[in-house]
Amino acid sequence: MDKLLQGLRAVAEPTRLRMIVLCGHAELSVGDFVFILGQSQPRVSRHLKLLVDAGLLNRNKEGSRAYYRLVASGKNSPLGQMLNDLMPEEDPTLVLDLSRLGTIKSERARYADNYLDEFAYERNELGRVSADEELVNKYLVQCVQSEKIDELLDIGTGTGRTLGLLGPLVDKAIGLDNSREMLSVARTNLERENLKNCQVRIGDMYRLPFPENRFEMVTINSLLRYAEKPKDVLSEAVRVLKPGRSIIIIDFADHGLSELRDEYGHRWLGFSELEMLEILGDNNIDIKTTTFFKGESLTICIWEGLKGRGNSV
């Protein structure tokens, strides 16, 4: 009862109610709220603290910024969602708030498009000589559809393309990346696709900010070839994965295109079956399936493994 009363007291104020509704439409920073609400930063921060303390909003730190969103689970999560749903769409204040939110989303989209221009050449060149991405995506979807996933973690989420693909198939998903610029792009892409069950977080792939045995599935898509220590990345991935559940790794099979090191910063020229067997075996992962998609010069491989039930890392 105490937590519910705290939540009711927190939302029984016009500005905080507006914040609840705004967070039902997007993940927002303090600066975003200042722009939308027309209030000072200290005042906005005080309102947000009350809502976080009441269990209505989550706060995720990202460098010098923090982003806020509706709590997806917890005692007061239904209250936040109910208030968001009850707010009349024709309310003049809400109409103005959402109009200003639209301005923020447009700016995010412009930034995302400009930022992605820098990486378009690499993606186009690799796509030209590797397997059909649509075939890979179709197979990945089939892997996820065969399981009941309450919460998925995508390590090295980049622009959020894996979240965009798998988000509709799971209850919740988190994408983690160490680049704030990439996370801005991912956040925009998730908003475009209205995937409110997905969120992105900044973090280190060698030190994941999650407790052990939390996720039903972990995906690592096109990341390991950039990692200095792939085995350590997988060790952390296994730590946060529940025993008996799946990890899916997507990357190039071993190849001889050494120019990719200089041109695109690839540390590894793909991975052989033997290398991946060794890496996964050392982390108590049993390979369930290995599937190859051949391209002109590059073969994309999907390794699907299961965490041993005796492994609680």
Protein backbone atom coordinates (compact mmCIF):
# COMPACT_ATOMS: atom_id res chain seq x y z
CA MET A 1 0.00 0.00 0.00
CA ASP A 2 2.82 2.42 0.89
CA LYS A 3 4.42 2.16 -2.57
CA LEU A 4 1.09 2.73 -4.29
CA LEU A 5 0.37 5.79 -2.12
CA GLN A 6 3.82 7.15 -2.93
CA GLY A 7 3.10 6.72 -6.62
CA LEU A 8 -0.30 8.39 -6.36
CA ARG A 9 1.19 11.34 -4.48
CA ALA A 10 3.94 11.67 -7.07
CA VAL A 11 1.55 11.93 -10.03
CA ALA A 12 -0.98 14.17 -8.28
CA GLU A 13 0.66 17.25 -9.79
CA PRO A 14 0.17 18.60 -13.34
CA THR A 15 3.82 18.74 -14.44
CA ARG A 16 4.62 15.25 -13.21
CA LEU A 17 1.51 13.86 -14.88
CA ARG A 18 2.67 15.45 -18.15
CA MET A 19 6.06 13.81 -17.66
CA ILE A 20 4.44 10.41 -17.25
CA VAL A 21 2.57 10.84 -20.52
CA LEU A 22 5.66 12.08 -22.36
CA CYS A 23 7.67 9.09 -21.16
CA GLY A 24 4.91 6.88 -22.51
CA HIS A 25 5.77 8.23 -25.96
CA ALA A 26 9.59 8.42 -25.85
CA GLU A 27 12.73 8.09 -23.76
CA LEU A 28 13.71 11.63 -22.76
CA SER A 29 16.55 13.54 -21.12
CA VAL A 30 16.33 16.44 -18.66
CA GLY A 31 17.12 18.81 -21.51
CA ASP A 32 14.24 17.38 -23.53
CA PHE A 33 11.84 17.99 -20.64
CA VAL A 34 13.13 21.56 -20.21
CA PHE A 35 12.37 22.26 -23.88
CA ILE A 36 8.93 20.65 -23.84
CA LEU A 37 7.68 21.87 -20.46
CA GLY A 38 9.28 25.34 -20.52
CA GLN A 39 10.55 24.93 -16.95
CA SER A 40 13.99 25.31 -15.40
CA GLN A 41 16.45 22.42 -15.20
CA PRO A 42 16.49 22.28 -11.35
CA ARG A 43 12.70 22.15 -11.22
CA VAL A 44 12.50 19.47 -13.90
CA SER A 45 15.14 17.42 -12.08
CA ARG A 46 13.20 17.58 -8.80
CA HIS A 47 10.02 16.36 -10.49
CA LEU A 48 11.90 13.52 -12.16
CA LYS A 49 13.51 12.42 -8.89
CA LEU A 50 10.09 12.13 -7.25
CA LEU A 51 8.80 10.00 -10.11
CA VAL A 52 11.87 7.74 -10.04
CA ASP A 53 11.67 7.35 -6.26
CA ALA A 54 7.99 6.44 -6.61
CA GLY A 55 8.86 3.61 -9.00
CA LEU A 56 7.15 5.19 -11.99
CA LEU A 57 10.17 6.12 -14.14
CA ASN A 58 13.50 4.46 -14.82
CA ARG A 59 16.65 6.60 -14.99
CA ASN A 60 19.51 5.40 -17.18
CA LYS A 61 22.80 7.33 -17.07
CA GLU A 62 24.48 7.91 -20.41
CA GLY A 63 27.67 9.92 -20.09
CA SER A 64 26.78 13.40 -18.85
CA ARG A 65 23.10 12.79 -19.60
CA ALA A 66 20.41 10.61 -18.09
CA TYR A 67 17.41 9.28 -19.98
CA TYR A 68 14.01 8.57 -18.44
CA ARG A 69 11.30 6.11 -19.47
CA LEU A 70 8.23 4.48 -17.95
CA VAL A 71 9.04 1.59 -15.64
CA ALA A 72 8.24 -1.66 -17.45
CA SER A 73 8.08 -3.86 -14.34
CA GLY A 74 7.55 -3.24 -10.65
CA LYS A 75 4.73 -2.53 -8.25
CA ASN A 76 3.82 0.84 -9.77
CA SER A 77 4.45 0.05 -13.44
CA PRO A 78 0.71 -0.58 -14.14
CA LEU A 79 -0.10 2.81 -12.57
CA GLY A 80 2.19 4.68 -14.94
CA GLN A 81 0.82 2.89 -17.99
CA MET A 82 -2.78 3.39 -16.85
CA LEU A 83 -2.27 7.15 -16.38
CA ASN A 84 -0.63 7.37 -19.78
CA ASP A 85 -3.62 5.60 -21.38
CA LEU A 86 -6.22 7.70 -19.51
CA MET A 87 -4.83 11.07 -20.58
CA PRO A 88 -7.29 12.52 -23.16
CA GLU A 89 -5.54 13.02 -26.51
CA GLU A 90 -7.44 16.25 -27.18
CA ASP A 91 -6.20 17.94 -23.99
CA PRO A 92 -4.67 21.29 -25.13
CA THR A 93 -1.62 20.96 -22.87
CA LEU A 94 -0.93 17.44 -24.07
CA VAL A 95 -1.35 18.48 -27.72
CA LEU A 96 1.29 21.19 -27.24
CA ASP A 97 3.61 18.84 -25.35
CA LEU A 98 3.42 16.21 -28.08
CA SER A 99 3.99 18.83 -30.74
CA ARG A 100 7.23 19.87 -29.04
CA LEU A 101 8.13 16.20 -28.61
CA GLY A 102 7.68 15.84 -32.36
CA THR A 103 10.27 18.58 -32.87
CA ILE A 104 12.75 16.66 -30.70
CA LYS A 105 12.10 13.44 -32.60
CA SER A 106 12.64 15.23 -35.92
CA GLU A 107 15.98 16.59 -34.71
CA ARG A 108 17.00 13.11 -33.55
CA ALA A 109 16.08 11.67 -36.92
CA ARG A 110 18.14 14.28 -38.80
CA TYR A 111 21.13 13.59 -36.55
CA ALA A 112 20.76 9.83 -37.03
CA ASP A 113 20.60 10.13 -40.82
CA ASN A 114 23.67 12.39 -40.95
CA TYR A 115 25.65 10.17 -38.57
CA LEU A 116 24.86 7.01 -40.53
CA ASP A 117 26.18 8.58 -43.73
CA GLU A 118 29.69 8.09 -42.30
CA PHE A 119 29.19 4.31 -42.10
CA ALA A 120 27.15 3.76 -45.24
CA TYR A 121 30.20 3.02 -47.42
CA GLU A 122 31.46 0.21 -45.16
CA ARG A 123 28.04 -1.41 -44.93
CA ASN A 124 27.48 -1.17 -48.68
CA GLU A 125 30.89 -2.58 -49.54
CA LEU A 126 30.64 -5.49 -47.11
CA GLY A 127 27.06 -6.14 -48.14
CA ARG A 128 28.15 -6.38 -51.77
CA VAL A 129 30.54 -9.30 -51.12
CA SER A 130 28.79 -11.05 -48.22
CA ALA A 131 25.57 -13.04 -47.87
CA ASP A 132 22.08 -11.67 -48.40
CA GLU A 133 21.16 -9.88 -45.16
CA GLU A 134 17.49 -10.68 -45.63
CA LEU A 135 18.21 -14.41 -45.51
CA VAL A 136 20.24 -13.96 -42.33
CA ASN A 137 17.49 -11.89 -40.73
CA LYS A 138 14.83 -14.43 -41.66
CA TYR A 139 16.81 -17.22 -40.03
CA LEU A 140 17.43 -15.11 -36.91
CA VAL A 141 13.72 -14.45 -36.56
CA GLN A 142 13.04 -18.19 -36.79
CA CYS A 143 15.54 -18.83 -33.98
CA VAL A 144 13.77 -16.39 -31.69
CA GLN A 145 10.25 -17.46 -32.60
CA SER A 146 11.02 -20.97 -31.38
CA GLU A 147 11.50 -19.76 -27.78
CA LYS A 148 9.54 -17.78 -25.18
CA ILE A 149 11.68 -14.73 -24.44
CA ASP A 150 10.75 -12.47 -21.53
CA GLU A 151 13.89 -10.34 -21.81
CA LEU A 152 16.58 -10.23 -24.50
CA LEU A 153 19.98 -8.52 -24.41
CA ASP A 154 21.66 -7.37 -27.63
CA ILE A 155 25.37 -6.66 -27.00
CA GLY A 156 26.95 -4.12 -29.34
CA THR A 157 23.55 -3.00 -30.55
CA GLY A 158 24.92 -0.20 -32.76
CA THR A 159 22.03 1.34 -34.66
CA GLY A 160 19.56 -1.04 -33.01
CA ARG A 161 18.89 -3.10 -36.14
CA THR A 162 18.76 -6.39 -34.21
CA LEU A 163 16.34 -4.85 -31.70
CA GLY A 164 14.21 -3.59 -34.56
CA LEU A 165 14.10 -7.09 -36.01
CA LEU A 166 13.50 -9.06 -32.81
CA GLY A 167 11.74 -6.51 -30.61
CA PRO A 168 8.24 -7.45 -31.81
CA LEU A 169 8.92 -11.10 -30.88
CA VAL A 170 9.94 -10.63 -27.23
CA ASP A 171 8.37 -9.09 -24.15
CA LYS A 172 11.33 -6.79 -23.41
CA ALA A 173 14.72 -6.11 -24.96
CA ILE A 174 17.78 -4.06 -24.06
CA GLY A 175 20.49 -2.99 -26.49
CA LEU A 176 23.90 -2.15 -25.08
CA ASP A 177 26.68 -0.17 -26.77
CA ASN A 178 29.65 1.96 -25.69
CA SER A 179 28.97 4.72 -28.23
CA ARG A 180 26.58 7.50 -27.23
CA GLU A 181 26.33 8.52 -30.88
CA MET A 182 25.23 5.04 -31.91
CA LEU A 183 22.75 4.90 -29.06
CA SER A 184 21.20 8.16 -30.27
CA VAL A 185 20.70 6.55 -33.66
CA ALA A 186 19.31 3.37 -32.11
CA ARG A 187 16.92 5.32 -29.91
CA THR A 188 15.62 7.16 -32.96
CA ASN A 189 15.17 3.94 -34.92
CA LEU A 190 13.23 2.33 -32.07
CA GLU A 191 10.98 5.37 -31.84
CA ARG A 192 10.35 5.23 -35.58
CA GLU A 193 9.21 1.62 -35.22
CA ASN A 194 7.23 2.35 -32.03
CA LEU A 195 9.06 -0.40 -30.11
CA LYS A 196 8.27 0.79 -26.61
CA ASN A 197 9.30 -2.56 -25.13
CA CYS A 198 12.89 -1.94 -26.26
CA GLN A 199 15.48 0.35 -24.71
CA VAL A 200 19.16 1.10 -25.16
CA ARG A 201 21.86 1.52 -22.54
CA ILE A 202 25.46 2.63 -22.59
CA GLY A 203 27.92 0.08 -21.26
CA ASP A 204 31.12 -1.90 -21.65
CA MET A 205 30.85 -5.31 -23.33
CA TYR A 206 33.61 -6.56 -21.01
CA ARG A 207 31.71 -5.43 -17.89
CA LEU A 208 28.00 -5.68 -18.46
CA PRO A 209 25.90 -3.61 -16.02
CA PHE A 210 23.52 -6.48 -15.26
CA PRO A 211 23.30 -9.23 -12.62
CA GLU A 212 24.05 -12.84 -13.52
CA ASN A 213 21.34 -15.14 -14.90
CA ARG A 214 19.01 -12.30 -15.93
CA PHE A 215 18.23 -12.79 -19.65
CA GLU A 216 16.48 -15.56 -21.57
CA MET A 217 18.49 -14.78 -24.70
CA VAL A 218 21.64 -12.86 -25.64
CA THR A 219 22.45 -11.80 -29.20
CA ILE A 220 25.85 -10.60 -30.46
CA ASN A 221 25.52 -9.43 -34.05
CA SER A 222 28.59 -8.36 -36.08
CA LEU A 223 30.55 -7.37 -32.96
CA LEU A 224 33.16 -10.01 -32.18
CA ARG A 225 35.29 -9.18 -35.22
CA TYR A 226 35.99 -5.77 -33.64
CA ALA A 227 36.70 -7.14 -30.13
CA GLU A 228 40.24 -7.37 -28.83
CA LYS A 229 39.25 -10.28 -26.57
CA PRO A 230 36.22 -12.16 -27.98
CA LYS A 231 36.44 -14.85 -25.31
CA ASP A 232 36.05 -12.23 -22.56
CA VAL A 233 33.03 -10.72 -24.32
CA LEU A 234 31.37 -14.12 -24.43
CA SER A 235 32.27 -14.82 -20.82
CA GLU A 236 30.32 -11.73 -19.75
CA ALA A 237 27.45 -12.62 -22.07
CA VAL A 238 27.22 -16.07 -20.50
CA ARG A 239 27.30 -14.59 -17.00
CA VAL A 240 24.08 -12.63 -17.55
CA LEU A 241 22.35 -15.45 -19.46
CA LYS A 242 20.06 -17.84 -17.62
CA PRO A 243 21.16 -21.50 -17.51
CA GLY A 244 19.71 -23.56 -20.32
CA ARG A 245 18.95 -20.51 -22.46
CA SER A 246 20.28 -19.41 -25.85
CA ILE A 247 23.08 -17.18 -27.03
CA ILE A 248 23.16 -16.28 -30.73
CA ILE A 249 26.36 -15.04 -32.35
CA ILE A 250 26.39 -13.63 -35.87
CA ASP A 251 29.69 -12.86 -37.59
CA PHE A 252 31.90 -13.71 -40.52
CA ALA A 253 33.35 -17.17 -40.93
CA ASP A 254 37.14 -17.09 -41.28
CA HIS A 255 38.35 -15.40 -44.47
CA GLY A 256 41.54 -14.01 -45.94
CA LEU A 257 40.54 -10.40 -46.61
CA SER A 258 43.30 -8.78 -44.54
CA GLU A 259 42.48 -5.36 -46.00
CA LEU A 260 39.42 -5.24 -43.74
CA ARG A 261 41.76 -4.67 -40.80
CA ASP A 262 43.10 -1.44 -42.27
CA GLU A 263 39.95 -0.23 -43.97
CA TYR A 264 37.35 -0.95 -41.30
CA GLY A 265 39.22 -1.79 -38.10
CA HIS A 266 38.39 -5.51 -38.01
CA ARG A 267 40.62 -7.18 -35.40
CA TRP A 268 39.62 -10.68 -36.51
CA LEU A 269 39.29 -12.02 -40.03
CA GLY A 270 36.23 -14.00 -39.12
CA PHE A 271 36.14 -17.12 -36.95
CA SER A 272 36.66 -20.73 -37.89
CA GLU A 273 34.43 -23.49 -36.54
CA LEU A 274 37.33 -24.71 -34.41
CA GLU A 275 37.98 -21.25 -32.94
CA MET A 276 34.32 -20.74 -32.05
CA LEU A 277 34.03 -24.23 -30.59
CA GLU A 278 36.98 -23.49 -28.35
CA ILE A 279 35.74 -20.06 -27.27
CA LEU A 280 32.21 -21.27 -26.51
CA GLY A 281 33.37 -24.48 -24.89
CA ASP A 282 35.62 -22.58 -22.49
CA ASN A 283 32.50 -20.64 -21.41
CA ASN A 284 30.37 -23.78 -20.89
CA ILE A 285 28.27 -23.14 -23.99
CA ASP A 286 27.09 -26.11 -26.02
CA ILE A 287 26.68 -25.30 -29.70
CA LYS A 288 23.14 -26.15 -30.75
CA THR A 289 23.39 -25.24 -34.44
CA THR A 290 25.90 -23.64 -36.81
CA THR A 291 24.47 -22.17 -40.01
CA PHE A 292 26.38 -20.64 -42.92
CA PHE A 293 25.20 -18.08 -45.47
CA LYS A 294 27.71 -17.77 -48.30
CA GLY A 295 28.38 -14.57 -50.20
CA GLU A 296 30.76 -13.61 -52.98
CA SER A 297 33.81 -13.29 -50.69
CA LEU A 298 32.43 -13.36 -47.15
CA THR A 299 30.36 -16.03 -45.43
CA ILE A 300 28.09 -15.02 -42.55
CA CYS A 301 27.79 -17.61 -39.81
CA ILE A 302 25.19 -17.93 -37.07
CA TRP A 303 26.25 -19.91 -34.02
CA GLU A 304 23.40 -20.77 -31.64
CA GLY A 305 24.48 -22.14 -28.27
CA LEU A 306 22.95 -23.10 -24.94
CA LYS A 307 24.35 -22.18 -21.55
CA GLY A 308 25.03 -25.23 -19.38
CA ARG A 309 22.55 -25.56 -16.53
CA GLY A 310 25.34 -26.05 -14.05
CA ASN A 311 26.94 -22.73 -14.98
CA SER A 312 25.97 -19.81 -12.77
CA VAL A 313 29.27 -17.95 -13.36
